Full PDB file with SEQRES, HELIX, SHEET, SSBOND, CRYST1, ORIGX, SCALE, CONECT and MASTER records, all heavy atoms in Angstrom:
SEQRES   1 A   39  ASP SER LEU ARG LEU SER CYS ALA ALA SER GLY GLY THR          
SEQRES   2 A   39  PHE SER SER TYR ALA MET GLY TRP PHE ARG GLN ALA PRO          
SEQRES   3 A   39  GLY LYS GLU ARG GLU SER VAL ALA ALA ILE SER GLU GLY          
HELIX    1 AA1 PHE A   14  SER A   16  5                                   3    
SHEET    1 AA1 2 MET A  19  ARG A  23  0                                        
SHEET    2 AA1 2 GLU A  31  ILE A  36 -1                                        
CRYST1    1.000    1.000    1.000  90.00  90.00  90.00 P 1           1          
ORIGX1      1.000000  0.000000  0.000000        0.00000                         
ORIGX2      0.000000  1.000000  0.000000        0.00000                         
ORIGX3      0.000000  0.000000  1.000000        0.00000                         
SCALE1      1.000000  0.000000  0.000000        0.00000                         
SCALE2      0.000000  1.000000  0.000000        0.00000                         
SCALE3      0.000000  0.000000  1.000000        0.00000                         
ATOM      1  N   ASP A   1      -6.272 -17.337  -9.244  1.00  0.00           N  
ATOM      2  CA  ASP A   1      -6.755 -17.266  -7.889  1.00  0.00           C  
ATOM      3  C   ASP A   1      -6.814 -15.806  -7.411  1.00  0.00           C  
ATOM      4  O   ASP A   1      -6.389 -14.900  -8.101  1.00  0.00           O  
ATOM      5  CB  ASP A   1      -5.835 -18.064  -6.980  1.00  0.00           C  
ATOM      6  CG  ASP A   1      -5.986 -19.552  -7.105  1.00  0.00           C  
ATOM      7  OD1 ASP A   1      -7.005 -19.996  -7.804  1.00  0.00           O  
ATOM      8  OD2 ASP A   1      -5.188 -20.324  -6.543  1.00  0.00           O  
ATOM      9  N   SER A   2      -7.320 -15.676  -6.181  1.00  0.00           N  
ATOM     10  CA  SER A   2      -7.414 -14.347  -5.517  1.00  0.00           C  
ATOM     11  C   SER A   2      -6.693 -14.387  -4.220  1.00  0.00           C  
ATOM     12  O   SER A   2      -6.511 -15.421  -3.571  1.00  0.00           O  
ATOM     13  CB  SER A   2      -8.900 -14.018  -5.282  1.00  0.00           C  
ATOM     14  OG  SER A   2      -9.606 -13.937  -6.509  1.00  0.00           O  
ATOM     15  N   LEU A   3      -6.205 -13.169  -3.804  1.00  0.00           N  
ATOM     16  CA  LEU A   3      -5.648 -12.939  -2.490  1.00  0.00           C  
ATOM     17  C   LEU A   3      -6.059 -11.600  -1.991  1.00  0.00           C  
ATOM     18  O   LEU A   3      -6.305 -10.664  -2.846  1.00  0.00           O  
ATOM     19  CB  LEU A   3      -4.118 -12.997  -2.571  1.00  0.00           C  
ATOM     20  CG  LEU A   3      -3.333 -14.297  -2.435  1.00  0.00           C  
ATOM     21  CD1 LEU A   3      -1.852 -14.031  -2.550  1.00  0.00           C  
ATOM     22  CD2 LEU A   3      -3.644 -14.971  -1.109  1.00  0.00           C  
ATOM     23  N   ARG A   4      -6.137 -11.411  -0.682  1.00  0.00           N  
ATOM     24  CA  ARG A   4      -6.350 -10.121  -0.137  1.00  0.00           C  
ATOM     25  C   ARG A   4      -5.206  -9.801   0.803  1.00  0.00           C  
ATOM     26  O   ARG A   4      -5.021 -10.505   1.805  1.00  0.00           O  
ATOM     27  CB  ARG A   4      -7.702 -10.026   0.596  1.00  0.00           C  
ATOM     28  CG  ARG A   4      -7.979  -8.546   1.010  1.00  0.00           C  
ATOM     29  CD  ARG A   4      -9.337  -8.391   1.656  1.00  0.00           C  
ATOM     30  NE  ARG A   4      -9.328  -8.755   3.039  1.00  0.00           N  
ATOM     31  CZ  ARG A   4     -10.223  -8.261   3.951  1.00  0.00           C  
ATOM     32  NH1 ARG A   4     -11.142  -7.398   3.591  1.00  0.00           N  
ATOM     33  NH2 ARG A   4     -10.169  -8.702   5.208  1.00  0.00           N  
ATOM     34  N   LEU A   5      -4.533  -8.723   0.529  1.00  0.00           N  
ATOM     35  CA  LEU A   5      -3.491  -8.238   1.378  1.00  0.00           C  
ATOM     36  C   LEU A   5      -4.075  -7.211   2.345  1.00  0.00           C  
ATOM     37  O   LEU A   5      -4.963  -6.457   1.978  1.00  0.00           O  
ATOM     38  CB  LEU A   5      -2.328  -7.601   0.567  1.00  0.00           C  
ATOM     39  CG  LEU A   5      -1.699  -8.446  -0.523  1.00  0.00           C  
ATOM     40  CD1 LEU A   5      -0.551  -7.652  -1.174  1.00  0.00           C  
ATOM     41  CD2 LEU A   5      -1.203  -9.774   0.037  1.00  0.00           C  
ATOM     42  N   SER A   6      -3.517  -7.198   3.554  1.00  0.00           N  
ATOM     43  CA  SER A   6      -3.912  -6.211   4.576  1.00  0.00           C  
ATOM     44  C   SER A   6      -2.640  -5.488   5.060  1.00  0.00           C  
ATOM     45  O   SER A   6      -1.558  -6.055   5.061  1.00  0.00           O  
ATOM     46  CB  SER A   6      -4.594  -6.873   5.766  1.00  0.00           C  
ATOM     47  OG  SER A   6      -5.751  -7.547   5.366  1.00  0.00           O  
ATOM     48  N   CYS A   7      -2.853  -4.272   5.459  1.00  0.00           N  
ATOM     49  CA  CYS A   7      -1.754  -3.457   5.989  1.00  0.00           C  
ATOM     50  C   CYS A   7      -2.313  -2.716   7.202  1.00  0.00           C  
ATOM     51  O   CYS A   7      -3.148  -1.863   7.062  1.00  0.00           O  
ATOM     52  CB  CYS A   7      -1.221  -2.522   4.977  1.00  0.00           C  
ATOM     53  SG  CYS A   7       0.007  -1.366   5.613  1.00  0.00           S  
ATOM     54  N   ALA A   8      -1.866  -3.110   8.385  1.00  0.00           N  
ATOM     55  CA  ALA A   8      -2.283  -2.486   9.603  1.00  0.00           C  
ATOM     56  C   ALA A   8      -1.319  -1.351  10.009  1.00  0.00           C  
ATOM     57  O   ALA A   8      -0.093  -1.563  10.001  1.00  0.00           O  
ATOM     58  CB  ALA A   8      -2.354  -3.526  10.736  1.00  0.00           C  
ATOM     59  N   ALA A   9      -1.901  -0.199  10.321  1.00  0.00           N  
ATOM     60  CA  ALA A   9      -1.076   0.946  10.672  1.00  0.00           C  
ATOM     61  C   ALA A   9      -1.222   1.263  12.147  1.00  0.00           C  
ATOM     62  O   ALA A   9      -2.292   1.049  12.748  1.00  0.00           O  
ATOM     63  CB  ALA A   9      -1.521   2.160   9.851  1.00  0.00           C  
ATOM     64  N   SER A  10      -0.125   1.799  12.694  1.00  0.00           N  
ATOM     65  CA  SER A  10      -0.181   2.249  14.106  1.00  0.00           C  
ATOM     66  C   SER A  10       0.794   3.443  14.275  1.00  0.00           C  
ATOM     67  O   SER A  10       1.668   3.642  13.409  1.00  0.00           O  
ATOM     68  CB  SER A  10       0.220   1.124  15.084  1.00  0.00           C  
ATOM     69  OG  SER A  10       1.510   0.646  14.775  1.00  0.00           O  
ATOM     70  N   GLY A  11       0.579   4.183  15.301  1.00  0.00           N  
ATOM     71  CA  GLY A  11       1.486   5.233  15.661  1.00  0.00           C  
ATOM     72  C   GLY A  11       1.223   6.598  14.987  1.00  0.00           C  
ATOM     73  O   GLY A  11       1.976   7.488  15.129  1.00  0.00           O  
ATOM     74  N   GLY A  12       0.081   6.697  14.333  1.00  0.00           N  
ATOM     75  CA  GLY A  12      -0.252   7.961  13.707  1.00  0.00           C  
ATOM     76  C   GLY A  12      -1.747   8.062  13.549  1.00  0.00           C  
ATOM     77  O   GLY A  12      -2.491   7.082  13.925  1.00  0.00           O  
ATOM     78  N   THR A  13      -2.213   9.158  13.038  1.00  0.00           N  
ATOM     79  CA  THR A  13      -3.617   9.299  12.733  1.00  0.00           C  
ATOM     80  C   THR A  13      -3.890   8.813  11.363  1.00  0.00           C  
ATOM     81  O   THR A  13      -3.662   9.504  10.331  1.00  0.00           O  
ATOM     82  CB  THR A  13      -4.037  10.778  12.868  1.00  0.00           C  
ATOM     83  OG1 THR A  13      -3.697  11.260  14.148  1.00  0.00           O  
ATOM     84  CG2 THR A  13      -5.552  10.955  12.633  1.00  0.00           C  
ATOM     85  N   PHE A  14      -4.388   7.560  11.277  1.00  0.00           N  
ATOM     86  CA  PHE A  14      -4.488   6.829  10.025  1.00  0.00           C  
ATOM     87  C   PHE A  14      -5.267   7.621   8.949  1.00  0.00           C  
ATOM     88  O   PHE A  14      -4.876   7.676   7.794  1.00  0.00           O  
ATOM     89  CB  PHE A  14      -5.096   5.485  10.244  1.00  0.00           C  
ATOM     90  CG  PHE A  14      -5.208   4.599   9.011  1.00  0.00           C  
ATOM     91  CD1 PHE A  14      -4.028   4.083   8.488  1.00  0.00           C  
ATOM     92  CD2 PHE A  14      -6.434   4.296   8.450  1.00  0.00           C  
ATOM     93  CE1 PHE A  14      -4.128   3.282   7.343  1.00  0.00           C  
ATOM     94  CE2 PHE A  14      -6.512   3.512   7.332  1.00  0.00           C  
ATOM     95  CZ  PHE A  14      -5.346   2.988   6.769  1.00  0.00           C  
ATOM     96  N   SER A  15      -6.313   8.231   9.411  1.00  0.00           N  
ATOM     97  CA  SER A  15      -7.188   8.953   8.476  1.00  0.00           C  
ATOM     98  C   SER A  15      -6.549  10.194   7.868  1.00  0.00           C  
ATOM     99  O   SER A  15      -7.100  10.840   6.958  1.00  0.00           O  
ATOM    100  CB  SER A  15      -8.539   9.296   9.116  1.00  0.00           C  
ATOM    101  OG  SER A  15      -8.305  10.123  10.236  1.00  0.00           O  
ATOM    102  N   SER A  16      -5.390  10.552   8.356  1.00  0.00           N  
ATOM    103  CA  SER A  16      -4.653  11.683   7.834  1.00  0.00           C  
ATOM    104  C   SER A  16      -3.651  11.336   6.713  1.00  0.00           C  
ATOM    105  O   SER A  16      -3.019  12.166   6.097  1.00  0.00           O  
ATOM    106  CB  SER A  16      -3.831  12.371   8.949  1.00  0.00           C  
ATOM    107  OG  SER A  16      -4.699  12.891   9.945  1.00  0.00           O  
ATOM    108  N   TYR A  17      -3.564  10.035   6.458  1.00  0.00           N  
ATOM    109  CA  TYR A  17      -2.567   9.534   5.519  1.00  0.00           C  
ATOM    110  C   TYR A  17      -3.211   8.956   4.270  1.00  0.00           C  
ATOM    111  O   TYR A  17      -4.147   8.142   4.351  1.00  0.00           O  
ATOM    112  CB  TYR A  17      -1.677   8.453   6.172  1.00  0.00           C  
ATOM    113  CG  TYR A  17      -0.801   8.981   7.221  1.00  0.00           C  
ATOM    114  CD1 TYR A  17      -1.233   9.065   8.564  1.00  0.00           C  
ATOM    115  CD2 TYR A  17       0.514   9.399   6.933  1.00  0.00           C  
ATOM    116  CE1 TYR A  17      -0.374   9.620   9.543  1.00  0.00           C  
ATOM    117  CE2 TYR A  17       1.335   9.927   7.912  1.00  0.00           C  
ATOM    118  CZ  TYR A  17       0.870  10.013   9.213  1.00  0.00           C  
ATOM    119  OH  TYR A  17       1.701  10.528  10.210  1.00  0.00           O  
ATOM    120  N   ALA A  18      -2.663   9.384   3.125  1.00  0.00           N  
ATOM    121  CA  ALA A  18      -2.946   8.620   1.902  1.00  0.00           C  
ATOM    122  C   ALA A  18      -2.129   7.329   1.950  1.00  0.00           C  
ATOM    123  O   ALA A  18      -1.075   7.289   2.598  1.00  0.00           O  
ATOM    124  CB  ALA A  18      -2.527   9.432   0.678  1.00  0.00           C  
ATOM    125  N   MET A  19      -2.663   6.293   1.349  1.00  0.00           N  
ATOM    126  CA  MET A  19      -2.052   4.997   1.434  1.00  0.00           C  
ATOM    127  C   MET A  19      -1.794   4.414   0.026  1.00  0.00           C  
ATOM    128  O   MET A  19      -2.558   4.720  -0.916  1.00  0.00           O  
ATOM    129  CB  MET A  19      -2.902   4.024   2.219  1.00  0.00           C  
ATOM    130  CG  MET A  19      -3.222   4.428   3.608  1.00  0.00           C  
ATOM    131  SD  MET A  19      -1.782   4.479   4.685  1.00  0.00           S  
ATOM    132  CE  MET A  19      -1.252   2.735   4.691  1.00  0.00           C  
ATOM    133  N   GLY A  20      -0.805   3.580  -0.089  1.00  0.00           N  
ATOM    134  CA  GLY A  20      -0.556   2.971  -1.378  1.00  0.00           C  
ATOM    135  C   GLY A  20       0.007   1.583  -1.257  1.00  0.00           C  
ATOM    136  O   GLY A  20       0.543   1.201  -0.169  1.00  0.00           O  
ATOM    137  N   TRP A  21      -0.142   0.783  -2.266  1.00  0.00           N  
ATOM    138  CA  TRP A  21       0.504  -0.500  -2.391  1.00  0.00           C  
ATOM    139  C   TRP A  21       1.533  -0.409  -3.544  1.00  0.00           C  
ATOM    140  O   TRP A  21       1.186   0.099  -4.639  1.00  0.00           O  
ATOM    141  CB  TRP A  21      -0.525  -1.618  -2.679  1.00  0.00           C  
ATOM    142  CG  TRP A  21      -1.351  -1.956  -1.481  1.00  0.00           C  
ATOM    143  CD1 TRP A  21      -2.586  -1.525  -1.178  1.00  0.00           C  
ATOM    144  CD2 TRP A  21      -0.997  -2.864  -0.465  1.00  0.00           C  
ATOM    145  NE1 TRP A  21      -3.018  -2.072  -0.012  1.00  0.00           N  
ATOM    146  CE2 TRP A  21      -2.056  -2.925   0.490  1.00  0.00           C  
ATOM    147  CE3 TRP A  21       0.119  -3.666  -0.247  1.00  0.00           C  
ATOM    148  CZ2 TRP A  21      -2.043  -3.730   1.629  1.00  0.00           C  
ATOM    149  CZ3 TRP A  21       0.150  -4.470   0.911  1.00  0.00           C  
ATOM    150  CH2 TRP A  21      -0.956  -4.481   1.819  1.00  0.00           C  
ATOM    151  N   PHE A  22       2.675  -0.999  -3.298  1.00  0.00           N  
ATOM    152  CA  PHE A  22       3.752  -1.030  -4.266  1.00  0.00           C  
ATOM    153  C   PHE A  22       4.221  -2.506  -4.329  1.00  0.00           C  
ATOM    154  O   PHE A  22       3.915  -3.274  -3.424  1.00  0.00           O  
ATOM    155  CB  PHE A  22       4.928  -0.165  -3.821  1.00  0.00           C  
ATOM    156  CG  PHE A  22       4.595   1.315  -3.786  1.00  0.00           C  
ATOM    157  CD1 PHE A  22       3.783   1.819  -2.761  1.00  0.00           C  
ATOM    158  CD2 PHE A  22       5.040   2.180  -4.785  1.00  0.00           C  
ATOM    159  CE1 PHE A  22       3.471   3.206  -2.742  1.00  0.00           C  
ATOM    160  CE2 PHE A  22       4.733   3.534  -4.727  1.00  0.00           C  
ATOM    161  CZ  PHE A  22       3.978   4.023  -3.716  1.00  0.00           C  
ATOM    162  N   ARG A  23       4.958  -2.819  -5.399  1.00  0.00           N  
ATOM    163  CA  ARG A  23       5.522  -4.163  -5.473  1.00  0.00           C  
ATOM    164  C   ARG A  23       6.842  -4.132  -6.159  1.00  0.00           C  
ATOM    165  O   ARG A  23       7.169  -3.193  -6.942  1.00  0.00           O  
ATOM    166  CB  ARG A  23       4.572  -5.100  -6.252  1.00  0.00           C  
ATOM    167  CG  ARG A  23       4.408  -4.765  -7.730  1.00  0.00           C  
ATOM    168  CD  ARG A  23       3.324  -5.677  -8.326  1.00  0.00           C  
ATOM    169  NE  ARG A  23       3.128  -5.440  -9.751  1.00  0.00           N  
ATOM    170  CZ  ARG A  23       2.160  -6.011 -10.477  1.00  0.00           C  
ATOM    171  NH1 ARG A  23       1.309  -6.865  -9.923  1.00  0.00           N  
ATOM    172  NH2 ARG A  23       2.080  -5.706 -11.743  1.00  0.00           N  
ATOM    173  N   GLN A  24       7.679  -5.089  -5.825  1.00  0.00           N  
ATOM    174  CA  GLN A  24       8.981  -5.206  -6.447  1.00  0.00           C  
ATOM    175  C   GLN A  24       9.249  -6.684  -6.764  1.00  0.00           C  
ATOM    176  O   GLN A  24       9.304  -7.540  -5.891  1.00  0.00           O  
ATOM    177  CB  GLN A  24      10.066  -4.680  -5.535  1.00  0.00           C  
ATOM    178  CG  GLN A  24      11.459  -4.625  -6.217  1.00  0.00           C  
ATOM    179  CD  GLN A  24      12.432  -3.811  -5.476  1.00  0.00           C  
ATOM    180  OE1 GLN A  24      12.285  -3.566  -4.261  1.00  0.00           O  
ATOM    181  NE2 GLN A  24      13.477  -3.354  -6.139  1.00  0.00           N  
ATOM    182  N   ALA A  25       9.433  -6.958  -8.059  1.00  0.00           N  
ATOM    183  CA  ALA A  25       9.721  -8.298  -8.519  1.00  0.00           C  
ATOM    184  C   ALA A  25      11.235  -8.438  -8.557  1.00  0.00           C  
ATOM    185  O   ALA A  25      11.965  -7.404  -8.704  1.00  0.00           O  
ATOM    186  CB  ALA A  25       9.123  -8.554  -9.845  1.00  0.00           C  
ATOM    187  N   PRO A  26      11.800  -9.633  -8.517  1.00  0.00           N  
ATOM    188  CA  PRO A  26      13.225  -9.867  -8.610  1.00  0.00           C  
ATOM    189  C   PRO A  26      13.846  -9.230  -9.839  1.00  0.00           C  
ATOM    190  O   PRO A  26      13.316  -9.424 -10.939  1.00  0.00           O  
ATOM    191  CB  PRO A  26      13.354 -11.363  -8.624  1.00  0.00           C  
ATOM    192  CG  PRO A  26      12.124 -11.885  -7.950  1.00  0.00           C  
ATOM    193  CD  PRO A  26      11.063 -10.924  -8.349  1.00  0.00           C  
ATOM    194  N   GLY A  27      14.865  -8.421  -9.633  1.00  0.00           N  
ATOM    195  CA  GLY A  27      15.565  -7.818 -10.747  1.00  0.00           C  
ATOM    196  C   GLY A  27      14.859  -6.602 -11.356  1.00  0.00           C  
ATOM    197  O   GLY A  27      15.353  -6.073 -12.354  1.00  0.00           O  
ATOM    198  N   LYS A  28      13.783  -6.220 -10.746  1.00  0.00           N  
ATOM    199  CA  LYS A  28      13.009  -5.064 -11.281  1.00  0.00           C  
ATOM    200  C   LYS A  28      12.942  -3.977 -10.228  1.00  0.00           C  
ATOM    201  O   LYS A  28      13.099  -4.202  -9.046  1.00  0.00           O  
ATOM    202  CB  LYS A  28      11.643  -5.511 -11.703  1.00  0.00           C  
ATOM    203  CG  LYS A  28      11.591  -6.461 -12.869  1.00  0.00           C  
ATOM    204  CD  LYS A  28      10.192  -6.701 -13.366  1.00  0.00           C  
ATOM    205  CE  LYS A  28      10.199  -7.616 -14.577  1.00  0.00           C  
ATOM    206  NZ  LYS A  28       8.812  -7.852 -15.090  1.00  0.00           N  
ATOM    207  N   GLU A  29      12.636  -2.796 -10.705  1.00  0.00           N  
ATOM    208  CA  GLU A  29      12.443  -1.635  -9.785  1.00  0.00           C  
ATOM    209  C   GLU A  29      11.091  -1.716  -9.080  1.00  0.00           C  
ATOM    210  O   GLU A  29      10.139  -2.369  -9.649  1.00  0.00           O  
ATOM    211  CB  GLU A  29      12.520  -0.316 -10.568  1.00  0.00           C  
ATOM    212  CG  GLU A  29      13.937  -0.011 -11.097  1.00  0.00           C  
ATOM    213  CD  GLU A  29      14.012   1.381 -11.640  1.00  0.00           C  
ATOM    214  OE1 GLU A  29      13.022   2.056 -11.704  1.00  0.00           O  
ATOM    215  OE2 GLU A  29      15.148   1.772 -12.040  1.00  0.00           O  
ATOM    216  N   ARG A  30      10.999  -1.164  -7.965  1.00  0.00           N  
ATOM    217  CA  ARG A  30       9.685  -1.103  -7.262  1.00  0.00           C  
ATOM    218  C   ARG A  30       8.733  -0.220  -8.066  1.00  0.00           C  
ATOM    219  O   ARG A  30       9.109   0.833  -8.553  1.00  0.00           O  
ATOM    220  CB  ARG A  30       9.890  -0.534  -5.823  1.00  0.00           C  
ATOM    221  CG  ARG A  30       8.631  -0.538  -4.986  1.00  0.00           C  
ATOM    222  CD  ARG A  30       8.991  -0.324  -3.535  1.00  0.00           C  
ATOM    223  NE  ARG A  30       9.718   0.923  -3.353  1.00  0.00           N  
ATOM    224  CZ  ARG A  30      10.366   1.248  -2.228  1.00  0.00           C  
ATOM    225  NH1 ARG A  30      10.374   0.397  -1.230  1.00  0.00           N  
ATOM    226  NH2 ARG A  30      11.018   2.400  -2.144  1.00  0.00           N  
ATOM    227  N   GLU A  31       7.509  -0.686  -8.136  1.00  0.00           N  
ATOM    228  CA  GLU A  31       6.460   0.067  -8.905  1.00  0.00           C  
ATOM    229  C   GLU A  31       5.221   0.231  -8.055  1.00  0.00           C  
ATOM    230  O   GLU A  31       4.890  -0.563  -7.194  1.00  0.00           O  
ATOM    231  CB  GLU A  31       6.120  -0.674 -10.233  1.00  0.00           C  
ATOM    232  CG  GLU A  31       5.487  -2.053 -10.000  1.00  0.00           C  
ATOM    233  CD  GLU A  31       5.049  -2.714 -11.285  1.00  0.00           C  
ATOM    234  OE1 GLU A  31       5.063  -2.029 -12.335  1.00  0.00           O  
ATOM    235  OE2 GLU A  31       4.678  -3.901 -11.244  1.00  0.00           O  
ATOM    236  N   SER A  32       4.514   1.304  -8.367  1.00  0.00           N  
ATOM    237  CA  SER A  32       3.264   1.596  -7.711  1.00  0.00           C  
ATOM    238  C   SER A  32       2.159   0.676  -8.296  1.00  0.00           C  
ATOM    239  O   SER A  32       2.116   0.455  -9.498  1.00  0.00           O  
ATOM    240  CB  SER A  32       2.855   3.053  -7.936  1.00  0.00           C  
ATOM    241  OG  SER A  32       1.568   3.299  -7.430  1.00  0.00           O  
ATOM    242  N   VAL A  33       1.376   0.128  -7.408  1.00  0.00           N  
ATOM    243  CA  VAL A  33       0.241  -0.713  -7.834  1.00  0.00           C  
ATOM    244  C   VAL A  33      -1.066   0.007  -7.668  1.00  0.00           C  
ATOM    245  O   VAL A  33      -1.904  -0.019  -8.596  1.00  0.00           O  
ATOM    246  CB  VAL A  33       0.218  -2.020  -6.999  1.00  0.00           C  
ATOM    247  CG1 VAL A  33      -0.944  -2.874  -7.336  1.00  0.00           C  
ATOM    248  CG2 VAL A  33       1.517  -2.780  -7.216  1.00  0.00           C  
ATOM    249  N   ALA A  34      -1.305   0.607  -6.548  1.00  0.00           N  
ATOM    250  CA  ALA A  34      -2.549   1.269  -6.270  1.00  0.00           C  
ATOM    251  C   ALA A  34      -2.369   2.290  -5.153  1.00  0.00           C  
ATOM    252  O   ALA A  34      -1.479   2.171  -4.351  1.00  0.00           O  
ATOM    253  CB  ALA A  34      -3.637   0.251  -5.832  1.00  0.00           C  
ATOM    254  N   ALA A  35      -3.246   3.303  -5.171  1.00  0.00           N  
ATOM    255  CA  ALA A  35      -3.214   4.372  -4.185  1.00  0.00           C  
ATOM    256  C   ALA A  35      -4.627   4.728  -3.804  1.00  0.00           C  
ATOM    257  O   ALA A  35      -5.551   4.607  -4.622  1.00  0.00           O  
ATOM    258  CB  ALA A  35      -2.441   5.566  -4.721  1.00  0.00           C  
ATOM    259  N   ILE A  36      -4.740   5.233  -2.555  1.00  0.00           N  
ATOM    260  CA  ILE A  36      -6.086   5.656  -2.112  1.00  0.00           C  
ATOM    261  C   ILE A  36      -5.946   6.888  -1.260  1.00  0.00           C  
ATOM    262  O   ILE A  36      -4.965   7.012  -0.483  1.00  0.00           O  
ATOM    263  CB  ILE A  36      -6.803   4.501  -1.354  1.00  0.00           C  
ATOM    264  CG1 ILE A  36      -8.250   4.832  -1.070  1.00  0.00           C  
ATOM    265  CG2 ILE A  36      -6.036   4.138  -0.061  1.00  0.00           C  
ATOM    266  CD1 ILE A  36      -9.098   3.626  -0.651  1.00  0.00           C  
ATOM    267  N   SER A  37      -6.893   7.776  -1.389  1.00  0.00           N  
ATOM    268  CA  SER A  37      -6.848   9.061  -0.638  1.00  0.00           C  
ATOM    269  C   SER A  37      -7.163   8.829   0.833  1.00  0.00           C  
ATOM    270  O   SER A  37      -7.598   7.772   1.229  1.00  0.00           O  
ATOM    271  CB  SER A  37      -7.813  10.037  -1.276  1.00  0.00           C  
ATOM    272  OG  SER A  37      -9.113   9.519  -1.226  1.00  0.00           O  
ATOM    273  N   GLU A  38      -6.940   9.886   1.609  1.00  0.00           N  
ATOM    274  CA  GLU A  38      -7.120   9.766   3.049  1.00  0.00           C  
ATOM    275  C   GLU A  38      -8.478   9.255   3.475  1.00  0.00           C  
ATOM    276  O   GLU A  38      -8.633   8.415   4.333  1.00  0.00           O  
ATOM    277  CB  GLU A  38      -6.855  11.094   3.721  1.00  0.00           C  
ATOM    278  CG  GLU A  38      -5.441  11.639   3.565  1.00  0.00           C  
ATOM    279  CD  GLU A  38      -5.300  12.497   2.305  1.00  0.00           C  
ATOM    280  OE1 GLU A  38      -5.811  12.153   1.262  1.00  0.00           O  
ATOM    281  OE2 GLU A  38      -4.575  13.552   2.432  1.00  0.00           O  
ATOM    282  N   GLY A  39      -9.523   9.758   2.836  1.00  0.00           N  
ATOM    283  CA  GLY A  39     -10.857   9.398   3.177  1.00  0.00           C  
ATOM    284  C   GLY A  39     -11.387   8.227   2.433  1.00  0.00           C  
ATOM    285  O   GLY A  39     -12.464   7.718   2.700  1.00  0.00           O  
TER     286      GLY A  39                                                      
MASTER        0    0    0    1    2    0    0    6  285    1    0    3          
END                                                                             
């Protein structure tokens, strides 16, 4: 199946921030999934 996650930001200038998605499975360390530049 497919899913789409969303992350809404507030309190800053969003376009000034690089963004990333991370995940942590039970018993495992948090890992990077994806990253995107400011623009």
